[in-house]
PDB file of N, CA and C in Angstrom:
ATOM      1  N   MET A   1      -7.670  16.960 -11.440  1.00  0.00           N
ATOM      2  CA  MET A   1      -6.863  16.025 -10.675  1.00  0.00           C
ATOM      3  C   MET A   1      -6.889  14.670 -11.375  1.00  0.00           C
ATOM      4  N   MET A   2      -5.749  14.035 -11.431  1.00  0.00           N
ATOM      5  CA  MET A   2      -5.647  12.754 -12.088  1.00  0.00           C
ATOM      6  C   MET A   2      -6.153  11.653 -11.153  1.00  0.00           C
ATOM      7  N   THR A   3      -6.443  10.505 -11.717  1.00  0.00           N
ATOM      8  CA  THR A   3      -6.885   9.370 -10.919  1.00  0.00           C
ATOM      9  C   THR A   3      -5.789   8.982  -9.940  1.00  0.00           C
ATOM     10  N   GLU A   4      -6.167   8.816  -8.701  1.00  0.00           N
ATOM     11  CA  GLU A   4      -5.184   8.487  -7.684  1.00  0.00           C
ATOM     12  C   GLU A   4      -4.835   7.005  -7.755  1.00  0.00           C
ATOM     13  N   GLN A   5      -3.551   6.735  -7.769  1.00  0.00           N
ATOM     14  CA  GLN A   5      -3.064   5.369  -7.823  1.00  0.00           C
ATOM     15  C   GLN A   5      -2.178   5.132  -6.616  1.00  0.00           C
ATOM     16  N   ARG A   6      -2.278   3.986  -6.028  1.00  0.00           N
ATOM     17  CA  ARG A   6      -1.426   3.650  -4.888  1.00  0.00           C
ATOM     18  C   ARG A   6      -0.060   3.232  -5.386  1.00  0.00           C
ATOM     19  N   HIS A   7       0.953   3.830  -4.824  1.00  0.00           N
ATOM     20  CA  HIS A   7       2.325   3.458  -5.153  1.00  0.00           C
ATOM     21  C   HIS A   7       2.999   2.939  -3.899  1.00  0.00           C
ATOM     22  N   ASN A   8       3.908   1.990  -4.086  1.00  0.00           N
ATOM     23  CA  ASN A   8       4.677   1.567  -2.922  1.00  0.00           C
ATOM     24  C   ASN A   8       5.758   2.608  -2.656  1.00  0.00           C
ATOM     25  N   ARG A   9       6.474   2.458  -1.572  1.00  0.00           N
ATOM     26  CA  ARG A   9       7.419   3.510  -1.172  1.00  0.00           C
ATOM     27  C   ARG A   9       8.558   3.691  -2.163  1.00  0.00           C
ATOM     28  N   TYR A  10       8.927   2.641  -2.871  1.00  0.00           N
ATOM     29  CA  TYR A  10      10.012   2.748  -3.847  1.00  0.00           C
ATOM     30  C   TYR A  10       9.548   3.499  -5.086  1.00  0.00           C
ATOM     31  N   GLU A  11       8.333   3.218  -5.513  1.00  0.00           N
ATOM     32  CA  GLU A  11       7.773   3.935  -6.655  1.00  0.00           C
ATOM     33  C   GLU A  11       7.581   5.407  -6.316  1.00  0.00           C
ATOM     34  N   LYS A  12       7.089   5.674  -5.124  1.00  0.00           N
ATOM     35  CA  LYS A  12       6.887   7.059  -4.689  1.00  0.00           C
ATOM     36  C   LYS A  12       8.213   7.812  -4.661  1.00  0.00           C
ATOM     37  N   ALA A  13       9.254   7.195  -4.127  1.00  0.00           N
ATOM     38  CA  ALA A  13      10.573   7.834  -4.070  1.00  0.00           C
ATOM     39  C   ALA A  13      11.109   8.100  -5.469  1.00  0.00           C
ATOM     40  N   ARG A  14      10.909   7.158  -6.380  1.00  0.00           N
ATOM     41  CA  ARG A  14      11.397   7.323  -7.751  1.00  0.00           C
ATOM     42  C   ARG A  14      10.653   8.438  -8.469  1.00  0.00           C
ATOM     43  N   ILE A  15       9.347   8.507  -8.287  1.00  0.00           N
ATOM     44  CA  ILE A  15       8.539   9.546  -8.922  1.00  0.00           C
ATOM     45  C   ILE A  15       8.926  10.924  -8.392  1.00  0.00           C
ATOM     46  N   ILE A  16       9.013  11.054  -7.069  1.00  0.00           N
ATOM     47  CA  ILE A  16       9.354  12.354  -6.480  1.00  0.00           C
ATOM     48  C   ILE A  16      10.773  12.759  -6.874  1.00  0.00           C
ATOM     49  N   GLY A  17      11.700  11.815  -6.884  1.00  0.00           N
ATOM     50  CA  GLY A  17      13.077  12.126  -7.276  1.00  0.00           C
ATOM     51  C   GLY A  17      13.175  12.578  -8.716  1.00  0.00           C
ATOM     52  N   ALA A  18      12.466  11.890  -9.608  1.00  0.00           N
ATOM     53  CA  ALA A  18      12.492  12.260 -11.022  1.00  0.00           C
ATOM     54  C   ALA A  18      11.879  13.642 -11.224  1.00  0.00           C
ATOM     55  N   ARG A  19      10.790  13.904 -10.537  1.00  0.00           N
ATOM     56  CA  ARG A  19      10.131  15.215 -10.666  1.00  0.00           C
ATOM     57  C   ARG A  19      10.989  16.329 -10.071  1.00  0.00           C
ATOM     58  N   ALA A  20      11.654  16.059  -8.956  1.00  0.00           N
ATOM     59  CA  ALA A  20      12.528  17.062  -8.344  1.00  0.00           C
ATOM     60  C   ALA A  20      13.664  17.426  -9.300  1.00  0.00           C
ATOM     61  N   LEU A  21      14.193  16.452 -10.004  1.00  0.00           N
ATOM     62  CA  LEU A  21      15.245  16.721 -10.983  1.00  0.00           C
ATOM     63  C   LEU A  21      14.720  17.613 -12.109  1.00  0.00           C
ATOM     64  N   GLN A  22      13.509  17.335 -12.563  1.00  0.00           N
ATOM     65  CA  GLN A  22      12.902  18.176 -13.598  1.00  0.00           C
ATOM     66  C   GLN A  22      12.750  19.610 -13.108  1.00  0.00           C
ATOM     67  N   VAL A  23      12.252  19.774 -11.901  1.00  0.00           N
ATOM     68  CA  VAL A  23      12.050  21.121 -11.341  1.00  0.00           C
ATOM     69  C   VAL A  23      13.393  21.829 -11.181  1.00  0.00           C
ATOM     70  N   ALA A  24      14.412  21.101 -10.735  1.00  0.00           N
ATOM     71  CA  ALA A  24      15.733  21.689 -10.551  1.00  0.00           C
ATOM     72  C   ALA A  24      16.304  22.200 -11.871  1.00  0.00           C
ATOM     73  N   TYR A  25      15.944  21.553 -12.971  1.00  0.00           N
ATOM     74  CA  TYR A  25      16.423  21.965 -14.287  1.00  0.00           C
ATOM     75  C   TYR A  25      15.499  22.949 -14.983  1.00  0.00           C
ATOM     76  N   GLY A  26      14.515  23.479 -14.238  1.00  0.00           N
ATOM     77  CA  GLY A  26      13.712  24.572 -14.775  1.00  0.00           C
ATOM     78  C   GLY A  26      12.329  24.221 -15.278  1.00  0.00           C
ATOM     79  N   ALA A  27      11.859  23.018 -15.046  1.00  0.00           N
ATOM     80  CA  ALA A  27      10.504  22.660 -15.474  1.00  0.00           C
ATOM     81  C   ALA A  27       9.489  23.502 -14.697  1.00  0.00           C
ATOM     82  N   PRO A  28       8.371  23.834 -15.317  1.00  0.00           N
ATOM     83  CA  PRO A  28       7.370  24.634 -14.613  1.00  0.00           C
ATOM     84  C   PRO A  28       6.761  23.852 -13.446  1.00  0.00           C
ATOM     85  N   VAL A  29       6.492  24.561 -12.368  1.00  0.00           N
ATOM     86  CA  VAL A  29       5.880  23.953 -11.182  1.00  0.00           C
ATOM     87  C   VAL A  29       4.381  23.869 -11.426  1.00  0.00           C
ATOM     88  N   LEU A  30       3.778  22.728 -11.084  1.00  0.00           N
ATOM     89  CA  LEU A  30       2.380  22.466 -11.418  1.00  0.00           C
ATOM     90  C   LEU A  30       1.384  22.904 -10.360  1.00  0.00           C
ATOM     91  N   ILE A  31       1.863  23.397  -9.217  1.00  0.00           N
ATOM     92  CA  ILE A  31       0.968  23.843  -8.143  1.00  0.00           C
ATOM     93  C   ILE A  31       1.473  25.167  -7.591  1.00  0.00           C
ATOM     94  N   ASP A  32       0.624  25.856  -6.866  1.00  0.00           N
ATOM     95  CA  ASP A  32       1.045  27.053  -6.142  1.00  0.00           C
ATOM     96  C   ASP A  32       1.636  26.609  -4.814  1.00  0.00           C
ATOM     97  N   THR A  33       2.875  27.026  -4.555  1.00  0.00           N
ATOM     98  CA  THR A  33       3.544  26.620  -3.324  1.00  0.00           C
ATOM     99  C   THR A  33       4.516  27.693  -2.876  1.00  0.00           C
ATOM    100  N   ASP A  34       4.813  27.687  -1.597  1.00  0.00           N
ATOM    101  CA  ASP A  34       5.801  28.606  -1.043  1.00  0.00           C
ATOM    102  C   ASP A  34       7.170  27.958  -0.956  1.00  0.00           C
ATOM    103  N   GLN A  35       7.252  26.669  -1.286  1.00  0.00           N
ATOM    104  CA  GLN A  35       8.516  25.933  -1.202  1.00  0.00           C
ATOM    105  C   GLN A  35       9.489  26.418  -2.279  1.00  0.00           C
ATOM    106  N   THR A  36      10.779  26.313  -1.960  1.00  0.00           N
ATOM    107  CA  THR A  36      11.807  26.688  -2.930  1.00  0.00           C
ATOM    108  C   THR A  36      12.713  25.516  -3.296  1.00  0.00           C
ATOM    109  N   GLN A  37      12.735  24.476  -2.466  1.00  0.00           N
ATOM    110  CA  GLN A  37      13.578  23.319  -2.747  1.00  0.00           C
ATOM    111  C   GLN A  37      12.834  22.357  -3.671  1.00  0.00           C
ATOM    112  N   PRO A  38      13.484  21.927  -4.750  1.00  0.00           N
ATOM    113  CA  PRO A  38      12.812  21.058  -5.721  1.00  0.00           C
ATOM    114  C   PRO A  38      12.216  19.784  -5.123  1.00  0.00           C
ATOM    115  N   ILE A  39      12.879  19.167  -4.161  1.00  0.00           N
ATOM    116  CA  ILE A  39      12.365  17.931  -3.578  1.00  0.00           C
ATOM    117  C   ILE A  39      11.069  18.182  -2.811  1.00  0.00           C
ATOM    118  N   LEU A  40      10.981  19.317  -2.143  1.00  0.00           N
ATOM    119  CA  LEU A  40       9.763  19.656  -1.405  1.00  0.00           C
ATOM    120  C   LEU A  40       8.624  20.031  -2.350  1.00  0.00           C
ATOM    121  N   ILE A  41       8.966  20.706  -3.437  1.00  0.00           N
ATOM    122  CA  ILE A  41       7.967  21.035  -4.455  1.00  0.00           C
ATOM    123  C   ILE A  41       7.415  19.755  -5.061  1.00  0.00           C
ATOM    124  N   ALA A  42       8.309  18.832  -5.407  1.00  0.00           N
ATOM    125  CA  ALA A  42       7.892  17.561  -5.999  1.00  0.00           C
ATOM    126  C   ALA A  42       7.019  16.764  -5.043  1.00  0.00           C
ATOM    127  N   ALA A  43       7.352  16.771  -3.766  1.00  0.00           N
ATOM    128  CA  ALA A  43       6.550  16.048  -2.777  1.00  0.00           C
ATOM    129  C   ALA A  43       5.154  16.650  -2.670  1.00  0.00           C
ATOM    130  N   GLU A  44       5.064  17.960  -2.705  1.00  0.00           N
ATOM    131  CA  GLU A  44       3.742  18.615  -2.656  1.00  0.00           C
ATOM    132  C   GLU A  44       2.937  18.293  -3.909  1.00  0.00           C
ATOM    133  N   GLU A  45       3.597  18.288  -5.057  1.00  0.00           N
ATOM    134  CA  GLU A  45       2.907  17.948  -6.299  1.00  0.00           C
ATOM    135  C   GLU A  45       2.398  16.504  -6.247  1.00  0.00           C
ATOM    136  N   TYR A  46       3.217  15.602  -5.718  1.00  0.00           N
ATOM    137  CA  TYR A  46       2.809  14.201  -5.590  1.00  0.00           C
ATOM    138  C   TYR A  46       1.579  14.091  -4.690  1.00  0.00           C
ATOM    139  N   ASP A  47       1.635  14.760  -3.539  1.00  0.00           N
ATOM    140  CA  ASP A  47       0.520  14.716  -2.594  1.00  0.00           C
ATOM    141  C   ASP A  47      -0.757  15.320  -3.188  1.00  0.00           C
ATOM    142  N   ALA A  48      -0.590  16.315  -4.061  1.00  0.00           N
ATOM    143  CA  ALA A  48      -1.749  16.947  -4.696  1.00  0.00           C
ATOM    144  C   ALA A  48      -2.303  16.097  -5.834  1.00  0.00           C
ATOM    145  N   GLY A  49      -1.550  15.085  -6.276  1.00  0.00           N
ATOM    146  CA  GLY A  49      -2.013  14.196  -7.336  1.00  0.00           C
ATOM    147  C   GLY A  49      -1.980  14.799  -8.723  1.00  0.00           C
ATOM    148  N   VAL A  50      -1.072  15.747  -8.957  1.00  0.00           N
ATOM    149  CA  VAL A  50      -1.035  16.423 -10.255  1.00  0.00           C
ATOM    150  C   VAL A  50       0.103  15.958 -11.164  1.00  0.00           C
ATOM    151  N   LEU A  51       0.900  15.013 -10.716  1.00  0.00           N
ATOM    152  CA  LEU A  51       2.037  14.577 -11.526  1.00  0.00           C
ATOM    153  C   LEU A  51       1.587  13.631 -12.638  1.00  0.00           C
ATOM    154  N   PRO A  52       2.014  13.899 -13.857  1.00  0.00           N
ATOM    155  CA  PRO A  52       1.606  13.060 -14.990  1.00  0.00           C
ATOM    156  C   PRO A  52       2.526  11.851 -15.189  1.00  0.00           C
ATOM    157  N   PHE A  53       2.855  11.158 -14.113  1.00  0.00           N
ATOM    158  CA  PHE A  53       3.700   9.979 -14.196  1.00  0.00           C
ATOM    159  C   PHE A  53       2.821   8.735 -14.114  1.00  0.00           C
ATOM    160  N   THR A  54       3.203   7.710 -14.847  1.00  0.00           N
ATOM    161  CA  THR A  54       2.548   6.415 -14.710  1.00  0.00           C
ATOM    162  C   THR A  54       3.611   5.398 -14.350  1.00  0.00           C
ATOM    163  N   VAL A  55       3.206   4.392 -13.615  1.00  0.00           N
ATOM    164  CA  VAL A  55       4.129   3.343 -13.195  1.00  0.00           C
ATOM    165  C   VAL A  55       3.749   2.067 -13.920  1.00  0.00           C
ATOM    166  N   ARG A  56       4.716   1.517 -14.630  1.00  0.00           N
ATOM    167  CA  ARG A  56       4.496   0.244 -15.302  1.00  0.00           C
ATOM    168  C   ARG A  56       5.163  -0.838 -14.486  1.00  0.00           C
ATOM    169  N   ARG A  57       4.362  -1.730 -13.983  1.00  0.00           N
ATOM    170  CA  ARG A  57       4.874  -2.823 -13.173  1.00  0.00           C
ATOM    171  C   ARG A  57       5.063  -4.041 -14.045  1.00  0.00           C
ATOM    172  N   GLY A  58       6.181  -4.745 -13.835  1.00  0.00           N
ATOM    173  CA  GLY A  58       6.455  -5.934 -14.616  1.00  0.00           C
ATOM    174  C   GLY A  58       5.563  -7.097 -14.221  1.00  0.00           C
ATOM    175  N   GLU A  59       5.380  -8.005 -15.149  1.00  0.00           N
ATOM    176  CA  GLU A  59       4.595  -9.190 -14.843  1.00  0.00           C
ATOM    177  C   GLU A  59       5.410 -10.137 -14.008  1.00  0.00           C
ATOM    178  N   ARG A  60       4.745 -10.790 -13.082  1.00  0.00           N
ATOM    179  CA  ARG A  60       5.452 -11.727 -12.199  1.00  0.00           C
ATOM    180  C   ARG A  60       5.151 -13.142 -12.572  1.00  0.00           C
TER     181      ARG A  60
END
């Protein structure tokens, strides 16, 4: 499991959306799940903490 990082709701939506698109185009699923819809698969992967996404926040 990767280090858990807190994301705000916009970052979470962007990560799940990007991952759902990958799954829809045939990317391998990273967890065992009974879900068939890419958005639900991506949400489960996010909750499991297995997504290899990093968020780069701009300097303020």
